[in-house]
Amino acid sequence: MNLQINGQAVAVPVGCSVAAALAIAGNGVARTSVNGEPRAPLCGMGICQECRVSINGVRRLACQTTCSADMRVEVTR
């Protein structure tokens, strides 16, 4: 299945979380902190909020969202 991360096509297995897709696509970074530091998923269960991304224009948690075909994921700043 294919989705887009920051405008780049990424192939991921069916059932993959968006957090895993970020890792498959490269460095796994989900957002940038207010200090400019890269942040990646930490807890994997939606508690830490470190994996916030924009999915089809809506802020979501990457670790709690399953990828779907043609999904558009943007790393948040």
C-alpha atoms as a PDB file:
ATOM      1  CA  MET A   1       0.000   0.000   0.000  1.00  0.00           C
ATOM      2  CA  ASN A   2       1.229   3.526  -0.735  1.00  0.00           C
ATOM      3  CA  LEU A   3       0.835   6.765   1.186  1.00  0.00           C
ATOM      4  CA  GLN A   4       2.570  10.122   1.094  1.00  0.00           C
ATOM      5  CA  ILE A   5       4.848  11.458   3.805  1.00  0.00           C
ATOM      6  CA  ASN A   6       5.782  15.095   3.276  1.00  0.00           C
ATOM      7  CA  GLY A   7       4.814  14.716  -0.380  1.00  0.00           C
ATOM      8  CA  GLN A   8       6.988  11.645  -0.983  1.00  0.00           C
ATOM      9  CA  ALA A   9       5.414   8.285  -1.862  1.00  0.00           C
ATOM     10  CA  VAL A  10       6.161   5.544   0.664  1.00  0.00           C
ATOM     11  CA  ALA A  11       5.229   1.856   0.346  1.00  0.00           C
ATOM     12  CA  VAL A  12       4.199   0.244   3.647  1.00  0.00           C
ATOM     13  CA  PRO A  13       2.687  -3.125   4.598  1.00  0.00           C
ATOM     14  CA  VAL A  14      -1.063  -3.352   5.196  1.00  0.00           C
ATOM     15  CA  GLY A  15      -1.891  -2.760   8.870  1.00  0.00           C
ATOM     16  CA  CYS A  16       1.168  -0.600   9.455  1.00  0.00           C
ATOM     17  CA  SER A  17       0.857   2.347  11.868  1.00  0.00           C
ATOM     18  CA  VAL A  18       1.780   5.824  10.698  1.00  0.00           C
ATOM     19  CA  ALA A  19       4.585   5.816  13.314  1.00  0.00           C
ATOM     20  CA  ALA A  20       6.049   2.697  11.686  1.00  0.00           C
ATOM     21  CA  ALA A  21       5.617   4.299   8.253  1.00  0.00           C
ATOM     22  CA  LEU A  22       7.695   7.270   9.437  1.00  0.00           C
ATOM     23  CA  ALA A  23      10.469   4.845  10.405  1.00  0.00           C
ATOM     24  CA  ILE A  24      10.179   2.988   7.087  1.00  0.00           C
ATOM     25  CA  ALA A  25      10.398   6.310   5.225  1.00  0.00           C
ATOM     26  CA  GLY A  26      13.604   7.376   6.925  1.00  0.00           C
ATOM     27  CA  ASN A  27      14.405   8.846  10.300  1.00  0.00           C
ATOM     28  CA  GLY A  28      11.071   8.321  12.092  1.00  0.00           C
ATOM     29  CA  VAL A  29      10.710  11.979  13.064  1.00  0.00           C
ATOM     30  CA  ALA A  30       7.088  12.988  13.622  1.00  0.00           C
ATOM     31  CA  ARG A  31       7.491  16.645  14.534  1.00  0.00           C
ATOM     32  CA  THR A  32       9.924  19.376  15.501  1.00  0.00           C
ATOM     33  CA  SER A  33       9.881  20.817  19.028  1.00  0.00           C
ATOM     34  CA  VAL A  34       9.587  24.547  19.720  1.00  0.00           C
ATOM     35  CA  ASN A  35      13.389  24.520  20.137  1.00  0.00           C
ATOM     36  CA  GLY A  36      13.845  22.944  16.705  1.00  0.00           C
ATOM     37  CA  GLU A  37      14.702  19.479  18.023  1.00  0.00           C
ATOM     38  CA  PRO A  38      13.407  16.448  16.082  1.00  0.00           C
ATOM     39  CA  ARG A  39      10.833  14.420  18.038  1.00  0.00           C
ATOM     40  CA  ALA A  40       9.857  10.814  17.341  1.00  0.00           C
ATOM     41  CA  PRO A  41       7.281   8.429  18.802  1.00  0.00           C
ATOM     42  CA  LEU A  42       8.245   7.494  22.341  1.00  0.00           C
ATOM     43  CA  CYS A  43       5.547   5.570  24.230  1.00  0.00           C
ATOM     44  CA  GLY A  44       3.738   3.933  21.294  1.00  0.00           C
ATOM     45  CA  MET A  45       0.372   4.072  23.074  1.00  0.00           C
ATOM     46  CA  GLY A  46      -0.787   7.683  22.723  1.00  0.00           C
ATOM     47  CA  ILE A  47       0.230   9.003  26.140  1.00  0.00           C
ATOM     48  CA  CYS A  48       3.338  11.074  25.352  1.00  0.00           C
ATOM     49  CA  GLN A  49       1.935  12.975  22.325  1.00  0.00           C
ATOM     50  CA  GLU A  50       5.419  13.045  20.725  1.00  0.00           C
ATOM     51  CA  CYS A  51       4.142  11.515  17.489  1.00  0.00           C
ATOM     52  CA  ARG A  52       1.701  14.278  16.492  1.00  0.00           C
ATOM     53  CA  VAL A  53       1.457  14.606  12.709  1.00  0.00           C
ATOM     54  CA  SER A  54      -1.007  16.066  10.238  1.00  0.00           C
ATOM     55  CA  ILE A  55      -2.959  13.343   8.425  1.00  0.00           C
ATOM     56  CA  ASN A  56      -5.082  14.595   5.533  1.00  0.00           C
ATOM     57  CA  GLY A  57      -5.048  18.023   7.219  1.00  0.00           C
ATOM     58  CA  VAL A  58      -6.053  16.817  10.708  1.00  0.00           C
ATOM     59  CA  ARG A  59      -3.671  16.556  13.701  1.00  0.00           C
ATOM     60  CA  ARG A  60      -3.475  12.916  14.812  1.00  0.00           C
ATOM     61  CA  LEU A  61      -1.184  10.611  16.774  1.00  0.00           C
ATOM     62  CA  ALA A  62       0.961   8.536  14.428  1.00  0.00           C
ATOM     63  CA  CYS A  63       1.224   5.625  16.870  1.00  0.00           C
ATOM     64  CA  GLN A  64      -2.563   5.319  17.120  1.00  0.00           C
ATOM     65  CA  THR A  65      -3.377   5.641  13.405  1.00  0.00           C
ATOM     66  CA  THR A  66      -3.316   2.804  10.888  1.00  0.00           C
ATOM     67  CA  CYS A  67      -2.118   3.684   7.401  1.00  0.00           C
ATOM     68  CA  SER A  68      -4.596   3.723   4.556  1.00  0.00           C
ATOM     69  CA  ALA A  69      -4.088   4.016   0.813  1.00  0.00           C
ATOM     70  CA  ASP A  70      -3.450   7.535  -0.470  1.00  0.00           C
ATOM     71  CA  MET A  71      -3.145   8.957   3.064  1.00  0.00           C
ATOM     72  CA  ARG A  72      -1.236  12.276   3.203  1.00  0.00           C
ATOM     73  CA  VAL A  73       1.013  12.607   6.246  1.00  0.00           C
ATOM     74  CA  GLU A  74       2.866  15.817   7.048  1.00  0.00           C
ATOM     75  CA  VAL A  75       5.457  16.098   9.793  1.00  0.00           C
ATOM     76  CA  THR A  76       4.346  18.987  12.015  1.00  0.00           C
ATOM     77  CA  ARG A  77       6.505  21.906  13.015  1.00  0.00           C
END
